PDB file of N, CA and C in Angstrom:
ATOM      1  N   UNK A   1       0.888  -1.197   0.028  1.00  0.00           N
ATOM      2  CA  UNK A   1      -0.057  -0.022  -0.038  1.00  0.00           C
ATOM      3  C   UNK A   1       0.856   1.328  -0.067  1.00  0.00           C
ATOM      4  N   UNK A   2       0.638   2.229  -0.753  1.00  0.00           N
ATOM      5  CA  UNK A   2       1.492   3.285  -1.053  1.00  0.00           C
ATOM      6  C   UNK A   2       1.517   4.218   0.238  1.00  0.00           C
ATOM      7  N   UNK A   3       0.577   4.373   0.863  1.00  0.00           N
ATOM      8  CA  UNK A   3       0.447   5.389   2.104  1.00  0.00           C
ATOM      9  C   UNK A   3       1.409   4.687   3.127  1.00  0.00           C
ATOM     10  N   UNK A   4       1.483   3.461   3.355  1.00  0.00           N
ATOM     11  CA  UNK A   4       2.239   2.825   4.399  1.00  0.00           C
ATOM     12  C   UNK A   4       3.781   3.112   3.985  1.00  0.00           C
ATOM     13  N   UNK A   5       4.082   3.083   2.621  1.00  0.00           N
ATOM     14  CA  UNK A   5       5.504   3.347   2.157  1.00  0.00           C
ATOM     15  C   UNK A   5       6.011   4.785   2.501  1.00  0.00           C
ATOM     16  N   UNK A   6       5.058   5.579   2.086  1.00  0.00           N
ATOM     17  CA  UNK A   6       4.952   6.974   2.297  1.00  0.00           C
ATOM     18  C   UNK A   6       5.285   7.423   3.846  1.00  0.00           C
ATOM     19  N   UNK A   7       4.412   6.965   4.616  1.00  0.00           N
ATOM     20  CA  UNK A   7       4.695   7.048   6.153  1.00  0.00           C
ATOM     21  C   UNK A   7       5.987   6.517   6.699  1.00  0.00           C
ATOM     22  N   UNK A   8       6.483   5.392   6.215  1.00  0.00           N
ATOM     23  CA  UNK A   8       7.594   4.703   6.507  1.00  0.00           C
ATOM     24  C   UNK A   8       8.864   5.911   6.328  1.00  0.00           C
ATOM     25  N   UNK A   9       8.677   6.211   4.838  1.00  0.00           N
ATOM     26  CA  UNK A   9       9.823   7.130   4.275  1.00  0.00           C
ATOM     27  C   UNK A   9       9.843   8.599   5.148  1.00  0.00           C
ATOM     28  N   UNK A  10       8.656   8.967   5.492  1.00  0.00           N
ATOM     29  CA  UNK A  10       8.621  10.214   6.276  1.00  0.00           C
ATOM     30  C   UNK A  10       9.179  10.024   7.567  1.00  0.00           C
ATOM     31  N   UNK A  11       8.910   8.975   8.234  1.00  0.00           N
ATOM     32  CA  UNK A  11       9.549   8.644   9.609  1.00  0.00           C
ATOM     33  C   UNK A  11      11.059   8.449   9.524  1.00  0.00           C
ATOM     34  N   UNK A  12      11.486   7.491   8.484  1.00  0.00           N
ATOM     35  CA  UNK A  12      12.893   7.283   8.328  1.00  0.00           C
ATOM     36  C   UNK A  12      13.591   8.649   7.988  1.00  0.00           C
ATOM     37  N   UNK A  13      13.039   9.444   7.360  1.00  0.00           N
ATOM     38  CA  UNK A  13      13.992  10.548   6.766  1.00  0.00           C
ATOM     39  C   UNK A  13      13.511  11.927   7.686  1.00  0.00           C
ATOM     40  N   UNK A  14      12.668  12.010   8.391  1.00  0.00           N
ATOM     41  CA  UNK A  14      12.299  13.145   9.262  1.00  0.00           C
ATOM     42  C   UNK A  14      11.832  14.346   8.234  1.00  0.00           C
ATOM     43  N   UNK A  15      11.004  13.976   7.268  1.00  0.00           N
ATOM     44  CA  UNK A  15      10.707  14.848   6.385  1.00  0.00           C
ATOM     45  C   UNK A  15       9.083  15.403   6.720  1.00  0.00           C
ATOM     46  N   UNK A  16       8.717  16.517   6.831  1.00  0.00           N
ATOM     47  CA  UNK A  16       7.254  16.832   7.108  1.00  0.00           C
ATOM     48  C   UNK A  16       6.569  16.348   5.824  1.00  0.00           C
ATOM     49  N   UNK A  17       5.243  16.079   6.107  1.00  0.00           N
ATOM     50  CA  UNK A  17       4.253  15.718   5.147  1.00  0.00           C
ATOM     51  C   UNK A  17       4.043  16.670   4.100  1.00  0.00           C
ATOM     52  N   UNK A  18       3.890  17.977   4.417  1.00  0.00           N
ATOM     53  CA  UNK A  18       3.918  18.920   3.330  1.00  0.00           C
ATOM     54  C   UNK A  18       4.976  18.995   2.355  1.00  0.00           C
ATOM     55  N   UNK A  19       6.114  19.037   3.012  1.00  0.00           N
ATOM     56  CA  UNK A  19       7.408  19.205   2.132  1.00  0.00           C
ATOM     57  C   UNK A  19       7.428  17.822   1.108  1.00  0.00           C
ATOM     58  N   UNK A  20       7.199  16.732   1.598  1.00  0.00           N
ATOM     59  CA  UNK A  20       7.222  15.682   0.944  1.00  0.00           C
ATOM     60  C   UNK A  20       6.195  15.788  -0.439  1.00  0.00           C
ATOM     61  N   UNK A  21       5.012  16.144  -0.074  1.00  0.00           N
ATOM     62  CA  UNK A  21       3.997  16.322  -1.249  1.00  0.00           C
ATOM     63  C   UNK A  21       4.576  17.320  -1.997  1.00  0.00           C
ATOM     64  N   UNK A  22       5.043  18.565  -1.611  1.00  0.00           N
ATOM     65  CA  UNK A  22       5.369  19.568  -2.553  1.00  0.00           C
ATOM     66  C   UNK A  22       6.746  19.270  -3.352  1.00  0.00           C
ATOM     67  N   UNK A  23       7.660  18.457  -2.713  1.00  0.00           N
ATOM     68  CA  UNK A  23       8.631  17.968  -3.652  1.00  0.00           C
ATOM     69  C   UNK A  23       8.562  17.169  -4.530  1.00  0.00           C
ATOM     70  N   UNK A  24       7.649  15.962  -4.154  1.00  0.00           N
ATOM     71  CA  UNK A  24       7.466  14.752  -5.065  1.00  0.00           C
ATOM     72  C   UNK A  24       6.563  14.846  -6.125  1.00  0.00           C
ATOM     73  N   UNK A  25       5.403  15.694  -5.724  1.00  0.00           N
ATOM     74  CA  UNK A  25       4.319  16.060  -6.906  1.00  0.00           C
ATOM     75  C   UNK A  25       3.801  17.277  -6.914  1.00  0.00           C
ATOM     76  N   UNK A  26       4.374  18.352  -6.214  1.00  0.00           N
ATOM     77  CA  UNK A  26       4.006  19.649  -6.227  1.00  0.00           C
ATOM     78  C   UNK A  26       2.406  19.841  -5.558  1.00  0.00           C
ATOM     79  N   UNK A  27       2.314  19.109  -4.790  1.00  0.00           N
ATOM     80  CA  UNK A  27       0.803  19.137  -3.853  1.00  0.00           C
ATOM     81  C   UNK A  27       1.297  18.936  -2.569  1.00  0.00           C
ATOM     82  N   UNK A  28       1.213  19.915  -1.671  1.00  0.00           N
ATOM     83  CA  UNK A  28       1.431  19.906  -0.199  1.00  0.00           C
ATOM     84  C   UNK A  28       0.351  19.264   0.555  1.00  0.00           C
ATOM     85  N   UNK A  29      -0.743  18.944  -0.055  1.00  0.00           N
ATOM     86  CA  UNK A  29      -1.723  18.242   0.628  1.00  0.00           C
ATOM     87  C   UNK A  29      -1.878  16.688   0.313  1.00  0.00           C
ATOM     88  N   UNK A  30      -0.671  16.201  -0.470  1.00  0.00           N
ATOM     89  CA  UNK A  30      -0.708  14.805  -0.898  1.00  0.00           C
ATOM     90  C   UNK A  30      -0.795  14.052   0.485  1.00  0.00           C
ATOM     91  N   UNK A  31       0.034  14.047   1.274  1.00  0.00           N
ATOM     92  CA  UNK A  31      -0.008  12.898   2.369  1.00  0.00           C
ATOM     93  C   UNK A  31      -1.267  12.899   3.194  1.00  0.00           C
ATOM     94  N   UNK A  32      -1.824  14.182   3.323  1.00  0.00           N
ATOM     95  CA  UNK A  32      -3.145  14.269   4.126  1.00  0.00           C
ATOM     96  C   UNK A  32      -4.187  13.683   3.361  1.00  0.00           C
ATOM     97  N   UNK A  33      -4.216  13.861   1.960  1.00  0.00           N
ATOM     98  CA  UNK A  33      -5.377  13.242   1.185  1.00  0.00           C
ATOM     99  C   UNK A  33      -5.229  11.758   1.108  1.00  0.00           C
ATOM    100  N   UNK A  34      -3.845  11.399   1.216  1.00  0.00           N
ATOM    101  CA  UNK A  34      -3.664   9.762   1.127  1.00  0.00           C
ATOM    102  C   UNK A  34      -4.172   9.075   2.549  1.00  0.00           C
ATOM    103  N   UNK A  35      -3.923   9.846   3.508  1.00  0.00           N
ATOM    104  CA  UNK A  35      -4.359   9.467   4.679  1.00  0.00           C
ATOM    105  C   UNK A  35      -6.002   9.342   5.005  1.00  0.00           C
ATOM    106  N   UNK A  36      -6.508  10.206   4.056  1.00  0.00           N
ATOM    107  CA  UNK A  36      -8.109  10.335   4.058  1.00  0.00           C
ATOM    108  C   UNK A  36      -8.697   9.324   3.100  1.00  0.00           C
ATOM    109  N   UNK A  37      -7.695   8.566   2.295  1.00  0.00           N
ATOM    110  CA  UNK A  37      -8.195   7.603   1.385  1.00  0.00           C
ATOM    111  C   UNK A  37      -8.076   7.868  -0.088  1.00  0.00           C
ATOM    112  N   UNK A  38      -7.466   9.089  -0.366  1.00  0.00           N
ATOM    113  CA  UNK A  38      -7.168   9.385  -1.736  1.00  0.00           C
ATOM    114  C   UNK A  38      -6.379   8.238  -2.508  1.00  0.00           C
ATOM    115  N   UNK A  39      -6.746   7.833  -3.667  1.00  0.00           N
ATOM    116  CA  UNK A  39      -6.007   6.898  -4.529  1.00  0.00           C
ATOM    117  C   UNK A  39      -5.421   7.621  -5.805  1.00  0.00           C
ATOM    118  N   UNK A  40      -4.148   7.777  -5.633  1.00  0.00           N
ATOM    119  CA  UNK A  40      -3.565   8.607  -6.842  1.00  0.00           C
ATOM    120  C   UNK A  40      -3.530   7.514  -8.137  1.00  0.00           C
ATOM    121  N   UNK A  41      -3.483   8.283  -9.368  1.00  0.00           N
ATOM    122  CA  UNK A  41      -3.285   7.551 -10.640  1.00  0.00           C
ATOM    123  C   UNK A  41      -2.000   7.054 -10.439  1.00  0.00           C
ATOM    124  N   UNK A  42      -1.637   6.246 -11.535  1.00  0.00           N
ATOM    125  CA  UNK A  42      -0.443   5.490 -11.726  1.00  0.00           C
ATOM    126  C   UNK A  42       0.565   6.465 -12.055  1.00  0.00           C
ATOM    127  N   UNK A  43       0.339   7.654 -12.785  1.00  0.00           N
ATOM    128  CA  UNK A  43       1.425   8.615 -13.036  1.00  0.00           C
ATOM    129  C   UNK A  43       2.089   9.242 -11.690  1.00  0.00           C
ATOM    130  N   UNK A  44       0.943   9.591 -10.905  1.00  0.00           N
ATOM    131  CA  UNK A  44       1.283  10.144  -9.461  1.00  0.00           C
ATOM    132  C   UNK A  44       2.063   9.219  -8.742  1.00  0.00           C
ATOM    133  N   UNK A  45       1.790   7.918  -8.658  1.00  0.00           N
ATOM    134  CA  UNK A  45       2.284   6.867  -7.943  1.00  0.00           C
ATOM    135  C   UNK A  45       3.709   6.710  -8.335  1.00  0.00           C
ATOM    136  N   UNK A  46       4.132   6.582  -9.600  1.00  0.00           N
ATOM    137  CA  UNK A  46       5.466   6.571 -10.159  1.00  0.00           C
ATOM    138  C   UNK A  46       6.333   7.712  -9.760  1.00  0.00           C
ATOM    139  N   UNK A  47       5.647   8.902  -9.865  1.00  0.00           N
ATOM    140  CA  UNK A  47       6.407  10.054  -9.345  1.00  0.00           C
ATOM    141  C   UNK A  47       6.767  10.002  -8.074  1.00  0.00           C
ATOM    142  N   UNK A  48       5.905   9.566  -7.023  1.00  0.00           N
ATOM    143  CA  UNK A  48       6.121   9.406  -5.528  1.00  0.00           C
ATOM    144  C   UNK A  48       7.253   8.417  -5.540  1.00  0.00           C
ATOM    145  N   UNK A  49       7.051   7.271  -6.094  1.00  0.00           N
ATOM    146  CA  UNK A  49       8.008   6.120  -5.901  1.00  0.00           C
ATOM    147  C   UNK A  49       9.497   6.822  -6.529  1.00  0.00           C
ATOM    148  N   UNK A  50       9.509   7.468  -7.538  1.00  0.00           N
ATOM    149  CA  UNK A  50      10.800   7.976  -8.151  1.00  0.00           C
ATOM    150  C   UNK A  50      11.296   8.980  -7.088  1.00  0.00           C
ATOM    151  N   UNK A  51      10.658   9.825  -6.512  1.00  0.00           N
ATOM    152  CA  UNK A  51      11.219  10.767  -5.602  1.00  0.00           C
ATOM    153  C   UNK A  51      11.686  10.009  -4.290  1.00  0.00           C
ATOM    154  N   UNK A  52      10.988   9.085  -3.789  1.00  0.00           N
ATOM    155  CA  UNK A  52      11.555   8.282  -2.754  1.00  0.00           C
ATOM    156  C   UNK A  52      12.941   7.572  -3.100  1.00  0.00           C
ATOM    157  N   UNK A  53      12.977   6.818  -4.168  1.00  0.00           N
ATOM    158  CA  UNK A  53      13.998   6.056  -4.671  1.00  0.00           C
ATOM    159  C   UNK A  53      15.271   7.049  -4.833  1.00  0.00           C
ATOM    160  N   UNK A  54      15.087   8.341  -5.428  1.00  0.00           N
ATOM    161  CA  UNK A  54      15.980   9.090  -5.694  1.00  0.00           C
ATOM    162  C   UNK A  54      16.582   9.897  -4.505  1.00  0.00           C
ATOM    163  N   UNK A  55      15.711  10.216  -3.563  1.00  0.00           N
ATOM    164  CA  UNK A  55      16.133  10.907  -2.303  1.00  0.00           C
ATOM    165  C   UNK A  55      16.841   9.778  -1.507  1.00  0.00           C
ATOM    166  N   UNK A  56      16.694   8.571  -1.484  1.00  0.00           N
ATOM    167  CA  UNK A  56      17.329   7.541  -0.812  1.00  0.00           C
ATOM    168  C   UNK A  56      18.685   7.429  -1.420  1.00  0.00           C
ATOM    169  N   UNK A  57      18.925   7.511  -2.669  1.00  0.00           N
ATOM    170  CA  UNK A  57      20.161   7.343  -3.238  1.00  0.00           C
ATOM    171  C   UNK A  57      21.005   8.671  -2.864  1.00  0.00           C
ATOM    172  N   UNK A  58      20.431   9.863  -2.984  1.00  0.00           N
ATOM    173  CA  UNK A  58      21.210  11.154  -2.598  1.00  0.00           C
ATOM    174  C   UNK A  58      21.629  11.180  -1.227  1.00  0.00           C
ATOM    175  N   UNK A  59      20.976  10.583  -0.441  1.00  0.00           N
ATOM    176  CA  UNK A  59      21.443  10.637   0.968  1.00  0.00           C
ATOM    177  C   UNK A  59      22.281   9.324   1.417  1.00  0.00           C
ATOM    178  N   UNK A  60      22.455   8.486   0.397  1.00  0.00           N
ATOM    179  CA  UNK A  60      23.286   7.258   0.750  1.00  0.00           C
ATOM    180  C   UNK A  60      22.708   6.292   1.570  1.00  0.00           C
ATOM    181  N   UNK A  61      21.337   5.968   1.398  1.00  0.00           N
ATOM    182  CA  UNK A  61      20.448   4.852   1.907  1.00  0.00           C
ATOM    183  C   UNK A  61      20.513   3.862   1.074  1.00  0.00           C
TER     184      UNK A  61
END
């Protein structure tokens, strides 16, 4: 489930939810909407996953 991966990413990296949404898909409400049950389309999911993977590589995880 996408929200679980996002929540773990936020905890592991100490990133605020609004910053994550803004930097990954230019939507500061993204995480809050996901928590409320929003189901993003495939394109948004790919952008989120790409951001998390790129961020992990940039900080050496």
